[in-house]
């Protein structure tokens, strides 16, 4: 190789990123301290963007296409290097290729359970998982803050931080939305939307654009799942008495198909019905004893049955025991002929046979003689 051939080999005339590896966000073009030839061909493939950096300062940016590197299309680099018009000498600059394709199906999840306070179940530990997608957006921030002098920048270099932020946003969203645990599965879209809003600013600060975010699933411990199933079953049953009758009918049908268990089933059902009936009887209030018709005893005020000649409480005797005034029904003392309350006479004698009559009687109950006629 001649001297001039060796010199020409030290000048780079093609700048491109051909072998784009999966998971690489930023690739630095390797020039091995060689200078880039003025007039070299720059090839930027679809899904890429080329950025020229001079001594740590982001200069010119090229989108997808084939470009000839000249002073005219490197205005910022020309200014930084102090080139004059008509400059044709080789130059040194770092060239970074950015992968601008969407990074799909990036997983996130809770490494440890998140504690939620629920009104129905108390303190509950939740786990969640989902996925998101993003792409590079702000070139200058990405190059200056994250890349530096690295040869390549991969998704693994940043996604640990993104996943941790996603879990933090999930916790914040649950606390702000205050969604009951039983309604959580019906609110995945609302929770995911709230999380995406919280994460968008964080992604932008890293030079990324958050394109999609999904909350895929939220799980609870097994014991909480069983409690939730029982609560849902109780709600589905509705009327427990009707449900018990339905179960009994189902049991009878099964017993009819299996004669060996029919007797046991009937015994169980009869016993259950007797227990239920006895329970209903015990639950009913005791019937009140019927009120005894009578009048108060003039001595002790206890109730004396109509026609009784003795008081069952104190033993007071006399035909008038327990009698009341024929006019105002006030209690009378034994042998009283006039009412102490209204003064009405209580008994008169028949004008013919002398039998006792109630005051105001017009005929004798013993002989039938009319009264007050002198018969």
Protein backbone atom coordinates (compact mmCIF):
# COMPACT_ATOMS: atom_id res chain seq x y z
CA UNK A 1 0.00 0.00 0.00
CA UNK A 2 1.40 3.35 -1.03
CA UNK A 3 1.71 6.33 1.26
CA UNK A 4 -1.25 8.12 -0.30
CA UNK A 5 -3.39 5.00 -0.08
CA UNK A 6 -2.57 4.74 3.60
CA UNK A 7 -3.45 8.37 4.14
CA UNK A 8 -6.75 7.94 2.28
CA UNK A 9 -7.57 4.90 4.44
CA UNK A 10 -7.37 7.05 7.53
CA UNK A 11 -10.22 9.20 6.25
CA UNK A 12 -13.77 7.90 6.71
CA UNK A 13 -15.99 8.40 3.69
CA UNK A 14 -19.07 6.34 4.76
CA UNK A 15 -20.87 6.87 8.05
CA UNK A 16 -23.72 4.47 8.86
CA UNK A 17 -25.15 2.02 11.45
CA UNK A 18 -25.77 -1.19 9.57
CA UNK A 19 -25.98 -3.85 12.26
CA UNK A 20 -28.67 -2.40 14.50
CA UNK A 21 -28.89 -4.66 17.54
CA UNK A 22 -32.18 -5.26 19.38
CA UNK A 23 -32.43 -3.40 22.66
CA UNK A 24 -29.87 -0.72 21.73
CA UNK A 25 -31.24 2.80 22.02
CA UNK A 26 -28.10 4.79 21.16
CA UNK A 27 -25.04 3.64 19.19
CA UNK A 28 -21.83 5.65 18.82
CA UNK A 29 -20.24 5.37 15.43
CA UNK A 30 -16.79 3.86 15.85
CA UNK A 31 -14.20 5.86 13.88
CA UNK A 32 -11.07 4.69 15.75
CA UNK A 33 -9.66 8.21 15.99
CA UNK A 34 -9.96 8.56 12.22
CA UNK A 35 -11.20 11.78 10.72
CA UNK A 36 -14.39 12.07 8.70
CA UNK A 37 -13.79 13.13 5.16
CA UNK A 38 -15.60 16.25 4.02
CA UNK A 39 -18.05 15.05 1.38
CA UNK A 40 -18.48 11.65 3.03
CA UNK A 41 -21.80 9.84 2.67
CA UNK A 42 -24.03 9.62 5.75
CA UNK A 43 -26.74 6.95 5.61
CA UNK A 44 -29.55 7.12 8.16
CA UNK A 45 -31.97 4.21 7.90
CA UNK A 46 -35.69 4.30 8.79
CA UNK A 47 -36.14 4.23 12.55
CA UNK A 48 -32.78 5.99 13.07
CA UNK A 49 -31.55 9.50 13.65
CA UNK A 50 -27.92 10.69 13.45
CA UNK A 51 -26.55 13.33 15.82
CA UNK A 52 -23.15 15.03 15.47
CA UNK A 53 -21.47 15.98 18.75
CA UNK A 54 -18.41 18.23 18.98
CA UNK A 55 -16.51 18.20 22.27
CA UNK A 56 -19.68 17.27 24.24
CA UNK A 57 -21.95 19.78 22.50
CA UNK A 58 -24.81 18.50 20.38
CA UNK A 59 -24.54 19.95 16.89
CA UNK A 60 -26.37 18.91 13.73
CA UNK A 61 -29.13 16.29 13.52
CA UNK A 62 -29.98 14.19 10.44
CA UNK A 63 -33.21 12.27 9.85
CA UNK A 64 -33.63 9.12 7.78
CA UNK A 65 -32.09 9.33 4.30
CA UNK A 66 -28.76 9.60 2.46
CA UNK A 67 -26.80 12.79 3.13
CA UNK A 68 -23.54 14.22 1.75
CA UNK A 69 -21.56 15.85 4.53
CA UNK A 70 -20.70 19.36 3.46
CA UNK A 71 -20.26 22.69 5.15
CA UNK A 72 -23.73 23.72 3.98
CA UNK A 73 -25.57 20.96 5.83
CA UNK A 74 -23.37 21.11 8.93
CA UNK A 75 -24.07 24.70 9.98
CA UNK A 76 -23.89 24.21 13.74
CA UNK A 77 -20.73 22.09 13.54
CA UNK A 78 -19.15 24.66 11.20
CA UNK A 79 -19.90 27.39 13.74
CA UNK A 80 -18.53 25.36 16.68
CA UNK A 81 -15.31 24.57 14.79
CA UNK A 82 -14.96 28.03 13.26
CA UNK A 83 -14.99 26.75 9.68
CA UNK A 84 -15.01 29.25 6.91
CA UNK A 85 -16.99 28.78 3.73
CA UNK A 86 -15.33 26.42 1.31
CA UNK A 87 -13.81 24.21 4.02
CA UNK A 88 -13.01 20.78 2.55
CA UNK A 89 -10.52 19.24 4.98
CA UNK A 90 -11.31 16.10 7.01
CA UNK A 91 -12.65 16.76 10.52
CA UNK A 92 -13.18 14.99 13.84
CA UNK A 93 -16.64 14.70 15.42
CA UNK A 94 -18.57 12.07 17.33
CA UNK A 95 -21.58 10.64 15.52
CA UNK A 96 -24.39 8.98 17.51
CA UNK A 97 -27.16 6.95 15.91
CA UNK A 98 -30.42 6.97 17.84
CA UNK A 99 -32.96 4.17 17.58
CA UNK A 100 -36.28 6.02 17.17
CA UNK A 101 -38.50 2.93 16.80
CA UNK A 102 -41.13 2.24 19.43
CA UNK A 103 -39.98 -0.06 22.22
CA UNK A 104 -42.98 -2.37 22.60
CA UNK A 105 -44.14 -4.73 25.34
CA UNK A 106 -41.78 -3.54 28.06
CA UNK A 107 -42.82 -5.37 31.23
CA UNK A 108 -43.31 -3.86 34.67
CA UNK A 109 -44.51 -5.37 37.95
CA UNK A 110 -44.36 -5.16 41.72
CA UNK A 111 -41.31 -6.96 43.10
CA UNK A 112 -42.86 -6.82 46.59
CA UNK A 113 -46.56 -6.48 47.53
CA UNK A 114 -48.13 -3.05 47.78
CA UNK A 115 -50.23 -2.44 50.91
CA UNK A 116 -53.74 -1.06 50.39
CA UNK A 117 -56.23 -0.03 53.08
CA UNK A 118 -59.69 -1.30 52.11
CA UNK A 119 -62.98 -0.52 53.86
CA UNK A 120 -64.27 -4.11 53.55
CA UNK A 121 -61.13 -6.22 54.07
CA UNK A 122 -58.80 -3.94 56.04
CA UNK A 123 -55.09 -3.95 55.19
CA UNK A 124 -54.53 -5.94 51.98
CA UNK A 125 -51.30 -6.74 50.12
CA UNK A 126 -51.57 -6.39 46.34
CA UNK A 127 -49.37 -7.33 43.43
CA UNK A 128 -49.71 -5.78 39.99
CA UNK A 129 -48.19 -6.17 36.56
CA UNK A 130 -48.51 -4.65 33.09
CA UNK A 131 -46.53 -3.32 30.16
CA UNK A 132 -45.66 -0.01 28.49
CA UNK A 133 -44.09 1.33 25.30
CA UNK A 134 -41.89 4.35 24.57
CA UNK A 135 -39.38 5.82 22.17
CA UNK A 136 -36.54 8.34 22.17
CA UNK A 137 -37.66 11.92 21.76
CA UNK A 138 -35.30 14.63 23.05
CA UNK A 139 -31.92 14.01 21.39
CA UNK A 140 -29.86 16.58 23.23
CA UNK A 141 -31.05 15.51 26.68
CA UNK A 142 -30.47 11.86 25.84
CA UNK A 143 -26.94 12.40 24.58
CA UNK A 144 -25.73 14.88 27.18
CA UNK A 145 -27.36 13.38 30.30
CA UNK A 146 -27.33 9.65 29.74
CA UNK A 147 -24.94 8.61 26.99
CA UNK A 148 -21.76 10.58 27.57
CA UNK A 149 -18.75 8.73 26.21
CA UNK A 150 -20.38 5.29 26.17
CA UNK A 151 -20.24 3.16 23.07
CA UNK A 152 -23.85 2.04 23.36
CA UNK A 153 -26.87 2.74 25.51
CA UNK A 154 -29.36 -0.12 25.96
CA UNK A 155 -32.89 -0.52 27.27
CA UNK A 156 -31.57 -2.47 30.27
CA UNK A 157 -29.60 0.62 31.30
CA UNK A 158 -32.77 2.62 31.94
CA UNK A 159 -35.76 0.33 32.28
CA UNK A 160 -35.01 -0.64 35.87
CA UNK A 161 -35.60 2.99 36.79
CA UNK A 162 -38.72 3.12 34.61
CA UNK A 163 -40.23 0.02 36.24
CA UNK A 164 -39.55 1.34 39.74
CA UNK A 165 -41.31 4.57 38.85
CA UNK A 166 -44.27 2.61 37.44
CA UNK A 167 -44.73 0.78 40.76
CA UNK A 168 -44.56 4.07 42.64
CA UNK A 169 -47.22 5.54 40.34
CA UNK A 170 -49.43 2.49 40.88
CA UNK A 171 -49.32 3.02 44.65
CA UNK A 172 -50.12 6.73 44.27
CA UNK A 173 -53.02 6.03 41.90
CA UNK A 174 -54.63 3.54 44.30
CA UNK A 175 -54.34 6.01 47.17
CA UNK A 176 -55.87 8.86 45.18
CA UNK A 177 -58.68 6.97 43.43
CA UNK A 178 -59.83 5.15 46.62
CA UNK A 179 -61.32 2.24 44.66
CA UNK A 180 -62.81 -0.58 46.82
CA UNK A 181 -61.09 -3.92 46.44
CA UNK A 182 -64.24 -5.60 45.10
CA UNK A 183 -64.42 -3.00 42.28
CA UNK A 184 -60.72 -3.00 41.44
CA UNK A 185 -60.90 -5.32 38.41
CA UNK A 186 -63.52 -3.11 36.76
CA UNK A 187 -61.28 -0.03 37.08
CA UNK A 188 -58.08 -1.18 35.34
CA UNK A 189 -58.43 1.39 32.54
CA UNK A 190 -58.98 4.24 35.00
CA UNK A 191 -55.98 3.23 37.12
CA UNK A 192 -53.76 2.77 34.04
CA UNK A 193 -54.81 6.18 32.68
CA UNK A 194 -53.97 7.87 35.98
CA UNK A 195 -50.59 6.14 36.05
CA UNK A 196 -49.78 7.19 32.47
CA UNK A 197 -50.41 10.85 33.33
CA UNK A 198 -48.08 10.60 36.31
CA UNK A 199 -45.33 8.85 34.31
CA UNK A 200 -45.39 11.05 31.18
CA UNK A 201 -43.42 13.89 32.79
CA UNK A 202 -40.87 11.49 34.25
CA UNK A 203 -40.24 9.87 30.86
CA UNK A 204 -39.92 13.26 29.19
CA UNK A 205 -37.25 14.31 31.68
CA UNK A 206 -35.18 11.31 30.53
CA UNK A 207 -35.50 12.18 26.86
CA UNK A 208 -38.21 9.59 26.26
CA UNK A 209 -41.79 9.73 25.06
CA UNK A 210 -44.27 7.42 26.80
CA UNK A 211 -46.56 6.05 24.07
CA UNK A 212 -48.67 3.49 25.91
CA UNK A 213 -49.24 2.17 29.40
CA UNK A 214 -51.42 -0.76 30.50
CA UNK A 215 -52.31 -2.19 33.90
CA UNK A 216 -52.78 -5.87 33.04
CA UNK A 217 -53.63 -7.53 36.34
CA UNK A 218 -53.89 -6.99 40.10
CA UNK A 219 -53.69 -10.02 42.42
CA UNK A 220 -54.41 -10.44 46.14
CA UNK A 221 -53.39 -13.18 48.63
CA UNK A 222 -55.34 -16.46 48.52
CA UNK A 223 -57.14 -15.84 51.80
CA UNK A 224 -58.44 -12.51 50.52
CA UNK A 225 -59.55 -14.17 47.28
CA UNK A 226 -61.57 -16.70 49.29
CA UNK A 227 -63.18 -13.92 51.32
CA UNK A 228 -64.04 -12.06 48.13
CA UNK A 229 -65.58 -15.22 46.64
CA UNK A 230 -67.70 -15.74 49.74
CA UNK A 231 -68.87 -12.13 49.69
CA UNK A 232 -69.79 -12.45 46.02
CA UNK A 233 -71.60 -15.76 46.67
CA UNK A 234 -73.69 -14.19 49.42
CA UNK A 235 -74.66 -11.40 47.08
CA UNK A 236 -75.59 -13.87 44.34
CA UNK A 237 -77.73 -16.01 46.70
CA UNK A 238 -79.96 -13.11 47.69
CA UNK A 239 -82.83 -14.61 49.80
CA UNK A 240 -81.20 -17.24 52.03
CA UNK A 241 -84.52 -18.99 52.83
CA UNK A 242 -85.30 -19.46 49.14
CA UNK A 243 -81.76 -20.68 48.55
CA UNK A 244 -82.13 -23.25 51.36
CA UNK A 245 -85.39 -24.48 49.80
CA UNK A 246 -83.70 -24.77 46.44
CA UNK A 247 -80.84 -26.80 47.95
CA UNK A 248 -83.34 -29.08 49.68
CA UNK A 249 -85.16 -29.71 46.39
CA UNK A 250 -81.85 -30.50 44.70
CA UNK A 251 -80.98 -32.92 47.50
CA UNK A 252 -84.35 -34.71 47.10
CA UNK A 253 -83.77 -35.13 43.39
CA UNK A 254 -80.33 -36.61 44.03
CA UNK A 255 -81.77 -38.92 46.69
CA UNK A 256 -84.42 -40.18 44.24
CA UNK A 257 -81.60 -41.25 41.92
CA UNK A 258 -79.86 -43.03 44.82
CA UNK A 259 -82.34 -45.08 46.96
CA UNK A 260 -79.66 -45.92 49.49
CA UNK A 261 -79.39 -42.32 50.62
CA UNK A 262 -83.10 -41.47 50.37
CA UNK A 263 -83.88 -42.52 53.96
CA UNK A 264 -81.00 -40.53 55.39
CA UNK A 265 -81.96 -37.49 53.35
CA UNK A 266 -85.60 -37.65 54.49
CA UNK A 267 -84.52 -37.99 58.11
CA UNK A 268 -82.20 -35.02 57.78
CA UNK A 269 -84.87 -32.92 56.10
CA UNK A 270 -87.57 -33.81 58.67
CA UNK A 271 -85.15 -33.06 61.48
CA UNK A 272 -84.23 -29.78 59.83
CA UNK A 273 -87.88 -28.82 59.40
CA UNK A 274 -88.66 -29.71 63.04
CA UNK A 275 -85.69 -27.65 64.21
CA UNK A 276 -86.76 -24.77 62.02
CA UNK A 277 -90.36 -24.99 63.25
CA UNK A 278 -89.26 -25.19 66.89
CA UNK A 279 -86.99 -22.23 66.37
CA UNK A 280 -89.87 -20.24 64.89
CA UNK A 281 -92.07 -21.14 67.85
CA UNK A 282 -89.38 -20.10 70.31
CA UNK A 283 -88.92 -16.83 68.49
CA UNK A 284 -92.66 -15.98 68.77
CA UNK A 285 -93.65 -13.89 71.82
CA UNK A 286 -95.63 -15.72 74.51
CA UNK A 287 -99.40 -15.25 74.20
CA UNK A 288 -100.87 -13.01 76.85
CA UNK A 289 -103.24 -14.68 79.33
CA UNK A 290 -106.88 -13.75 78.70
CA UNK A 291 -108.20 -11.09 81.03
CA UNK A 292 -110.47 -12.46 83.71
CA UNK A 293 -113.88 -10.81 83.81
CA UNK A 294 -114.84 -9.60 87.31
CA UNK A 295 -114.87 -6.75 89.77
CA UNK A 296 -112.34 -5.53 92.36
CA UNK A 297 -112.59 -6.89 95.92
CA UNK A 298 -113.77 -4.10 98.24
CA UNK A 299 -111.21 -5.24 100.83
CA UNK A 300 -107.98 -5.96 98.94
CA UNK A 301 -108.86 -4.68 95.43
CA UNK A 302 -108.02 -8.05 93.84
CA UNK A 303 -110.16 -9.07 90.86
CA UNK A 304 -113.14 -11.21 91.89
CA UNK A 305 -114.94 -13.31 89.25
CA UNK A 306 -118.54 -12.51 88.51
CA UNK A 307 -120.88 -14.38 90.89
CA UNK A 308 -118.10 -15.42 93.31
CA UNK A 309 -119.08 -15.20 96.99
CA UNK A 310 -115.49 -15.19 98.27
CA UNK A 311 -112.37 -13.20 97.26
CA UNK A 312 -109.65 -15.56 96.01
CA UNK A 313 -106.89 -13.25 97.36
CA UNK A 314 -108.04 -12.33 100.87
CA UNK A 315 -111.05 -14.63 101.47
CA UNK A 316 -113.50 -11.81 102.11
CA UNK A 317 -117.07 -13.20 102.30
CA UNK A 318 -120.54 -11.85 101.79
CA UNK A 319 -122.97 -11.71 98.90
CA UNK A 320 -121.84 -8.22 98.17
CA UNK A 321 -118.14 -9.14 97.92
CA UNK A 322 -116.86 -7.86 94.65
CA UNK A 323 -120.21 -6.09 93.83
CA UNK A 324 -120.41 -2.79 92.03
CA UNK A 325 -122.96 0.01 91.87
CA UNK A 326 -125.88 -0.82 89.57
CA UNK A 327 -125.76 2.73 88.24
CA UNK A 328 -122.12 3.96 88.06
CA UNK A 329 -120.32 0.59 88.52
CA UNK A 330 -118.20 1.93 91.36
CA UNK A 331 -116.95 -0.70 93.91
CA UNK A 332 -119.30 -1.19 96.91
CA UNK A 333 -118.54 -2.27 100.45
CA UNK A 334 -120.09 -5.54 101.67
CA UNK A 335 -123.78 -5.06 102.58
CA UNK A 336 -123.95 -1.51 101.18
CA UNK A 337 -127.49 -0.52 100.25
CA UNK A 338 -126.51 2.75 98.64
CA UNK A 339 -123.54 3.67 96.38
CA UNK A 340 -120.89 5.74 98.10
CA UNK A 341 -119.99 7.39 94.78
CA UNK A 342 -123.39 8.36 93.31
CA UNK A 343 -125.86 7.57 96.18
CA UNK A 344 -128.03 5.27 94.10
CA UNK A 345 -129.97 2.58 96.06
CA UNK A 346 -128.59 -0.88 95.36
CA UNK A 347 -131.49 -3.23 96.32
CA UNK A 348 -135.23 -3.08 97.09
CA UNK A 349 -137.76 -5.76 98.22
CA UNK A 350 -140.62 -7.14 96.12
CA UNK A 351 -143.89 -5.56 97.21
CA UNK A 352 -145.59 -8.98 97.10
CA UNK A 353 -143.12 -11.69 98.13
CA UNK A 354 -140.34 -9.66 99.72
CA UNK A 355 -137.63 -11.03 97.43
CA UNK A 356 -134.68 -8.73 96.83
CA UNK A 357 -134.79 -6.77 93.60
CA UNK A 358 -132.32 -4.55 91.84
CA UNK A 359 -133.04 -0.88 92.07
CA UNK A 360 -135.40 0.24 89.29
CA UNK A 361 -136.80 -3.28 88.59
CA UNK A 362 -140.44 -3.15 87.30
CA UNK A 363 -141.23 -6.84 87.94
CA UNK A 364 -140.16 -9.34 90.59
CA UNK A 365 -137.85 -11.99 89.41
CA UNK A 366 -139.23 -14.48 91.99
CA UNK A 367 -143.02 -14.09 91.70
CA UNK A 368 -143.46 -11.84 88.68
CA UNK A 369 -145.49 -9.27 90.53
CA UNK A 370 -145.29 -5.77 89.06
CA UNK A 371 -143.50 -3.31 91.25
CA UNK A 372 -144.64 0.18 92.24
CA UNK A 373 -148.35 -0.72 91.56
CA UNK A 374 -149.24 -1.76 95.06
CA UNK A 375 -150.04 -5.37 93.94
